[in-house]
Amino acid sequence: MEAMQALADPTRRELVAVLAGGERTAGELAAPFRASRPAISRHLRVLREAGLVSVRADGRERRYSLDPRPLREIDDWLEPYRDLWAQRLDAFDTEIARGRRARREGGPA
């Protein structure tokens, strides 16, 4: 999954998060980052090549938008693991409740 490799970088994950709020110009995307504009451009290229981001020319500006299709593929891949984590978190919640109950009743925690 090329999208997962692209999202391994925290800067690219942040760019995707910003684009989830709507279309942005390259300058708008680069502004909050300490990285240089060429570095942000390289990150955007990786995201484009992974299919996560599309770009269109708007006069002299390039406008970027999020393409959610690769995220759906990741979501589909993760689906079987959700049940596993839900079961483990439910068991953890049960243990926390037991510990609280035992403390209230004066027993061992």
N, C-alpha and C. Protein backbone atom coordinates (compact mmCIF):
# COMPACT_ATOMS: atom_id res chain seq x y z
N MET A 1 0.83 -1.18 0.00
CA MET A 1 0.00 0.00 0.00
C MET A 1 0.87 1.25 0.00
N GLU A 2 0.92 1.87 -1.13
CA GLU A 2 1.74 3.07 -1.28
C GLU A 2 1.27 4.20 -0.36
N ALA A 3 -0.04 4.27 -0.12
CA ALA A 3 -0.57 5.33 0.73
C ALA A 3 -0.05 5.20 2.16
N MET A 4 0.06 3.98 2.65
CA MET A 4 0.57 3.79 4.02
C MET A 4 2.02 4.24 4.11
N GLN A 5 2.80 3.95 3.10
CA GLN A 5 4.19 4.39 3.10
C GLN A 5 4.27 5.91 3.07
N ALA A 6 3.41 6.53 2.29
CA ALA A 6 3.40 8.00 2.21
C ALA A 6 3.02 8.60 3.56
N LEU A 7 2.10 7.96 4.26
CA LEU A 7 1.62 8.50 5.54
C LEU A 7 2.54 8.16 6.71
N ALA A 8 3.62 7.45 6.44
CA ALA A 8 4.56 7.13 7.51
C ALA A 8 5.27 8.37 8.03
N ASP A 9 5.32 9.41 7.24
CA ASP A 9 6.01 10.64 7.62
C ASP A 9 5.04 11.58 8.33
N PRO A 10 5.42 12.11 9.50
CA PRO A 10 4.50 12.98 10.25
C PRO A 10 4.14 14.28 9.52
N THR A 11 5.04 14.82 8.74
CA THR A 11 4.71 16.04 7.98
C THR A 11 3.64 15.75 6.95
N ARG A 12 3.75 14.61 6.28
CA ARG A 12 2.74 14.26 5.29
C ARG A 12 1.40 13.97 5.95
N ARG A 13 1.42 13.35 7.13
CA ARG A 13 0.15 13.13 7.84
C ARG A 13 -0.50 14.47 8.19
N GLU A 14 0.30 15.44 8.60
CA GLU A 14 -0.23 16.76 8.93
C GLU A 14 -0.78 17.45 7.68
N LEU A 15 -0.09 17.32 6.56
CA LEU A 15 -0.60 17.90 5.32
C LEU A 15 -1.95 17.29 4.95
N VAL A 16 -2.08 15.99 5.11
CA VAL A 16 -3.36 15.32 4.83
C VAL A 16 -4.43 15.84 5.78
N ALA A 17 -4.08 16.03 7.05
CA ALA A 17 -5.05 16.54 8.02
C ALA A 17 -5.52 17.95 7.63
N VAL A 18 -4.61 18.78 7.18
CA VAL A 18 -4.98 20.14 6.75
C VAL A 18 -5.90 20.05 5.53
N LEU A 19 -5.55 19.20 4.58
CA LEU A 19 -6.35 19.07 3.36
C LEU A 19 -7.71 18.44 3.63
N ALA A 20 -7.87 17.74 4.72
CA ALA A 20 -9.18 17.20 5.08
C ALA A 20 -10.18 18.34 5.32
N GLY A 21 -9.66 19.52 5.65
CA GLY A 21 -10.51 20.68 5.84
C GLY A 21 -10.86 21.40 4.56
N GLY A 22 -10.32 20.97 3.45
CA GLY A 22 -10.65 21.58 2.16
C GLY A 22 -9.42 21.92 1.35
N GLU A 23 -9.67 22.32 0.15
CA GLU A 23 -8.62 22.65 -0.82
C GLU A 23 -7.75 23.79 -0.31
N ARG A 24 -6.43 23.70 -0.59
CA ARG A 24 -5.48 24.74 -0.17
C ARG A 24 -4.45 24.96 -1.28
N THR A 25 -3.90 26.15 -1.31
CA THR A 25 -2.80 26.43 -2.23
C THR A 25 -1.52 25.88 -1.61
N ALA A 26 -0.49 25.77 -2.43
CA ALA A 26 0.81 25.30 -1.93
C ALA A 26 1.32 26.23 -0.84
N GLY A 27 1.16 27.53 -1.04
CA GLY A 27 1.62 28.50 -0.04
C GLY A 27 0.87 28.36 1.28
N GLU A 28 -0.44 28.15 1.22
CA GLU A 28 -1.23 27.95 2.44
C GLU A 28 -0.80 26.68 3.17
N LEU A 29 -0.48 25.66 2.40
CA LEU A 29 -0.03 24.41 3.02
C LEU A 29 1.33 24.55 3.66
N ALA A 30 2.22 25.30 3.03
CA ALA A 30 3.60 25.42 3.52
C ALA A 30 3.70 26.36 4.73
N ALA A 31 2.81 27.33 4.82
CA ALA A 31 2.93 28.39 5.84
C ALA A 31 3.12 27.90 7.28
N PRO A 32 2.35 26.93 7.76
CA PRO A 32 2.50 26.56 9.17
C PRO A 32 3.74 25.71 9.49
N PHE A 33 4.45 25.27 8.49
CA PHE A 33 5.57 24.35 8.71
C PHE A 33 6.90 25.11 8.77
N ARG A 34 7.80 24.58 9.56
CA ARG A 34 9.15 25.14 9.64
C ARG A 34 10.02 24.69 8.47
N ALA A 35 9.57 23.68 7.77
CA ALA A 35 10.32 23.16 6.62
C ALA A 35 10.26 24.18 5.48
N SER A 36 11.22 24.10 4.60
CA SER A 36 11.26 25.00 3.43
C SER A 36 10.13 24.65 2.47
N ARG A 37 9.80 25.61 1.62
CA ARG A 37 8.77 25.34 0.62
C ARG A 37 9.16 24.21 -0.32
N PRO A 38 10.44 24.13 -0.75
CA PRO A 38 10.81 22.97 -1.57
C PRO A 38 10.61 21.63 -0.84
N ALA A 39 10.87 21.62 0.46
CA ALA A 39 10.65 20.38 1.23
C ALA A 39 9.17 20.02 1.26
N ILE A 40 8.32 21.02 1.46
CA ILE A 40 6.88 20.77 1.46
C ILE A 40 6.43 20.31 0.07
N SER A 41 7.00 20.89 -0.96
CA SER A 41 6.69 20.46 -2.33
C SER A 41 7.04 18.99 -2.54
N ARG A 42 8.16 18.56 -1.98
CA ARG A 42 8.56 17.15 -2.11
C ARG A 42 7.55 16.26 -1.37
N HIS A 43 7.11 16.70 -0.18
CA HIS A 43 6.10 15.93 0.55
C HIS A 43 4.80 15.85 -0.25
N LEU A 44 4.40 16.96 -0.85
CA LEU A 44 3.18 16.97 -1.65
C LEU A 44 3.32 16.05 -2.87
N ARG A 45 4.51 16.00 -3.46
CA ARG A 45 4.73 15.10 -4.59
C ARG A 45 4.55 13.64 -4.18
N VAL A 46 5.09 13.28 -3.00
CA VAL A 46 4.93 11.91 -2.51
C VAL A 46 3.45 11.60 -2.30
N LEU A 47 2.72 12.55 -1.73
CA LEU A 47 1.29 12.34 -1.50
C LEU A 47 0.53 12.23 -2.82
N ARG A 48 0.91 13.01 -3.82
CA ARG A 48 0.29 12.92 -5.15
C ARG A 48 0.56 11.56 -5.77
N GLU A 49 1.82 11.14 -5.72
CA GLU A 49 2.19 9.85 -6.32
C GLU A 49 1.49 8.68 -5.63
N ALA A 50 1.17 8.83 -4.36
CA ALA A 50 0.45 7.79 -3.63
C ALA A 50 -1.06 7.87 -3.86
N GLY A 51 -1.50 8.90 -4.59
CA GLY A 51 -2.91 9.04 -4.89
C GLY A 51 -3.72 9.71 -3.79
N LEU A 52 -3.06 10.21 -2.76
CA LEU A 52 -3.76 10.83 -1.63
C LEU A 52 -4.14 12.28 -1.89
N VAL A 53 -3.46 12.91 -2.80
CA VAL A 53 -3.65 14.33 -3.06
C VAL A 53 -3.75 14.55 -4.57
N SER A 54 -4.66 15.43 -4.94
CA SER A 54 -4.71 15.85 -6.34
C SER A 54 -4.40 17.33 -6.40
N VAL A 55 -3.99 17.78 -7.56
CA VAL A 55 -3.59 19.18 -7.74
C VAL A 55 -4.22 19.70 -9.02
N ARG A 56 -4.61 20.96 -8.98
CA ARG A 56 -5.12 21.61 -10.19
C ARG A 56 -4.55 23.01 -10.27
N ALA A 57 -4.34 23.44 -11.49
CA ALA A 57 -3.84 24.79 -11.72
C ALA A 57 -5.00 25.77 -11.63
N ASP A 58 -4.76 26.88 -10.94
CA ASP A 58 -5.75 27.95 -10.82
C ASP A 58 -5.00 29.26 -11.08
N GLY A 59 -4.91 29.62 -12.35
CA GLY A 59 -4.07 30.75 -12.72
C GLY A 59 -2.62 30.40 -12.45
N ARG A 60 -1.95 31.22 -11.65
CA ARG A 60 -0.55 30.96 -11.32
C ARG A 60 -0.39 30.06 -10.10
N GLU A 61 -1.50 29.76 -9.42
CA GLU A 61 -1.42 28.94 -8.21
C GLU A 61 -1.75 27.48 -8.50
N ARG A 62 -1.24 26.64 -7.63
CA ARG A 62 -1.58 25.22 -7.66
C ARG A 62 -2.40 24.96 -6.41
N ARG A 63 -3.58 24.37 -6.62
CA ARG A 63 -4.48 24.09 -5.51
C ARG A 63 -4.51 22.58 -5.27
N TYR A 64 -4.33 22.23 -4.02
CA TYR A 64 -4.27 20.82 -3.62
C TYR A 64 -5.54 20.43 -2.89
N SER A 65 -5.97 19.21 -3.13
CA SER A 65 -7.12 18.68 -2.40
C SER A 65 -6.87 17.21 -2.07
N LEU A 66 -7.56 16.76 -1.06
CA LEU A 66 -7.42 15.38 -0.58
C LEU A 66 -8.27 14.45 -1.43
N ASP A 67 -7.72 13.31 -1.79
CA ASP A 67 -8.48 12.25 -2.46
C ASP A 67 -8.62 11.13 -1.43
N PRO A 68 -9.83 10.90 -0.92
CA PRO A 68 -10.00 9.93 0.17
C PRO A 68 -9.94 8.46 -0.24
N ARG A 69 -9.90 8.16 -1.52
CA ARG A 69 -9.93 6.75 -1.94
C ARG A 69 -8.83 5.90 -1.31
N PRO A 70 -7.56 6.33 -1.33
CA PRO A 70 -6.54 5.49 -0.68
C PRO A 70 -6.76 5.35 0.83
N LEU A 71 -7.36 6.36 1.46
CA LEU A 71 -7.66 6.25 2.89
C LEU A 71 -8.72 5.19 3.13
N ARG A 72 -9.68 5.07 2.21
CA ARG A 72 -10.69 4.01 2.33
C ARG A 72 -10.04 2.64 2.22
N GLU A 73 -9.06 2.51 1.33
CA GLU A 73 -8.35 1.23 1.19
C GLU A 73 -7.64 0.87 2.49
N ILE A 74 -7.01 1.86 3.12
CA ILE A 74 -6.35 1.62 4.42
C ILE A 74 -7.39 1.25 5.47
N ASP A 75 -8.51 1.97 5.47
CA ASP A 75 -9.58 1.69 6.42
C ASP A 75 -10.10 0.26 6.25
N ASP A 76 -10.28 -0.16 5.01
CA ASP A 76 -10.73 -1.54 4.75
C ASP A 76 -9.71 -2.55 5.26
N TRP A 77 -8.45 -2.25 5.07
CA TRP A 77 -7.39 -3.15 5.52
C TRP A 77 -7.37 -3.25 7.04
N LEU A 78 -7.65 -2.14 7.72
CA LEU A 78 -7.62 -2.12 9.19
C LEU A 78 -8.85 -2.74 9.84
N GLU A 79 -9.92 -2.90 9.10
CA GLU A 79 -11.19 -3.37 9.66
C GLU A 79 -11.06 -4.62 10.54
N PRO A 80 -10.38 -5.67 10.12
CA PRO A 80 -10.31 -6.86 10.98
C PRO A 80 -9.63 -6.60 12.33
N TYR A 81 -8.79 -5.61 12.39
CA TYR A 81 -8.07 -5.34 13.63
C TYR A 81 -8.90 -4.52 14.61
N ARG A 82 -9.93 -3.83 14.12
CA ARG A 82 -10.78 -3.03 15.01
C ARG A 82 -11.45 -3.91 16.05
N ASP A 83 -11.97 -5.06 15.62
CA ASP A 83 -12.63 -5.96 16.57
C ASP A 83 -11.66 -6.45 17.62
N LEU A 84 -10.44 -6.77 17.20
CA LEU A 84 -9.42 -7.21 18.15
C LEU A 84 -9.18 -6.14 19.21
N TRP A 85 -8.99 -4.89 18.78
CA TRP A 85 -8.75 -3.82 19.74
C TRP A 85 -9.98 -3.51 20.57
N ALA A 86 -11.15 -3.59 19.99
CA ALA A 86 -12.38 -3.34 20.75
C ALA A 86 -12.51 -4.36 21.88
N GLN A 87 -12.22 -5.63 21.60
CA GLN A 87 -12.29 -6.66 22.63
C GLN A 87 -11.28 -6.39 23.75
N ARG A 88 -10.08 -6.02 23.37
CA ARG A 88 -9.05 -5.76 24.37
C ARG A 88 -9.38 -4.53 25.21
N LEU A 89 -9.92 -3.50 24.58
CA LEU A 89 -10.28 -2.30 25.33
C LEU A 89 -11.48 -2.56 26.24
N ASP A 90 -12.41 -3.39 25.79
CA ASP A 90 -13.54 -3.77 26.65
C ASP A 90 -13.04 -4.54 27.87
N ALA A 91 -12.11 -5.46 27.68
CA ALA A 91 -11.55 -6.21 28.80
C ALA A 91 -10.79 -5.28 29.76
N PHE A 92 -10.06 -4.33 29.22
CA PHE A 92 -9.34 -3.35 30.04
C PHE A 92 -10.32 -2.52 30.85
N ASP A 93 -11.41 -2.09 30.23
CA ASP A 93 -12.43 -1.32 30.93
C ASP A 93 -13.04 -2.13 32.07
N THR A 94 -13.26 -3.42 31.85
CA THR A 94 -13.79 -4.30 32.89
C THR A 94 -12.83 -4.38 34.07
N GLU A 95 -11.54 -4.50 33.78
CA GLU A 95 -10.55 -4.57 34.86
C GLU A 95 -10.48 -3.26 35.65
N ILE A 96 -10.57 -2.15 34.98
CA ILE A 96 -10.57 -0.86 35.68
C ILE A 96 -11.78 -0.77 36.60
N ALA A 97 -12.94 -1.18 36.11
CA ALA A 97 -14.16 -1.14 36.93
C ALA A 97 -14.02 -2.06 38.14
N ARG A 98 -13.43 -3.23 37.96
CA ARG A 98 -13.21 -4.15 39.09
C ARG A 98 -12.30 -3.52 40.14
N GLY A 99 -11.23 -2.88 39.68
CA GLY A 99 -10.31 -2.22 40.62
C GLY A 99 -10.99 -1.11 41.39
N ARG A 100 -11.80 -0.33 40.74
CA ARG A 100 -12.53 0.75 41.43
C ARG A 100 -13.50 0.18 42.45
N ARG A 101 -14.21 -0.86 42.04
CA ARG A 101 -15.18 -1.49 42.94
C ARG A 101 -14.45 -2.07 44.17
N ALA A 102 -13.31 -2.71 43.95
CA ALA A 102 -12.56 -3.31 45.05
C ALA A 102 -12.06 -2.23 46.01
N ARG A 103 -11.61 -1.11 45.50
CA ARG A 103 -11.16 0.00 46.37
C ARG A 103 -12.31 0.55 47.21
N ARG A 104 -13.47 0.69 46.59
CA ARG A 104 -14.64 1.20 47.33
C ARG A 104 -15.04 0.23 48.43
N GLU A 105 -14.91 -1.05 48.16
CA GLU A 105 -15.31 -2.07 49.13
C GLU A 105 -14.21 -2.40 50.11
N GLY A 106 -13.07 -1.77 49.97
CA GLY A 106 -11.96 -1.99 50.91
C GLY A 106 -11.13 -3.23 50.63
N GLY A 107 -11.31 -3.84 49.52
CA GLY A 107 -10.54 -5.03 49.18
C GLY A 107 -9.28 -4.68 48.44
N PRO A 108 -8.49 -5.67 48.03
CA PRO A 108 -7.26 -5.39 47.27
C PRO A 108 -7.61 -4.85 45.90
N ALA A 109 -6.79 -3.91 45.45
CA ALA A 109 -7.06 -3.28 44.15
C ALA A 109 -6.49 -4.08 43.02
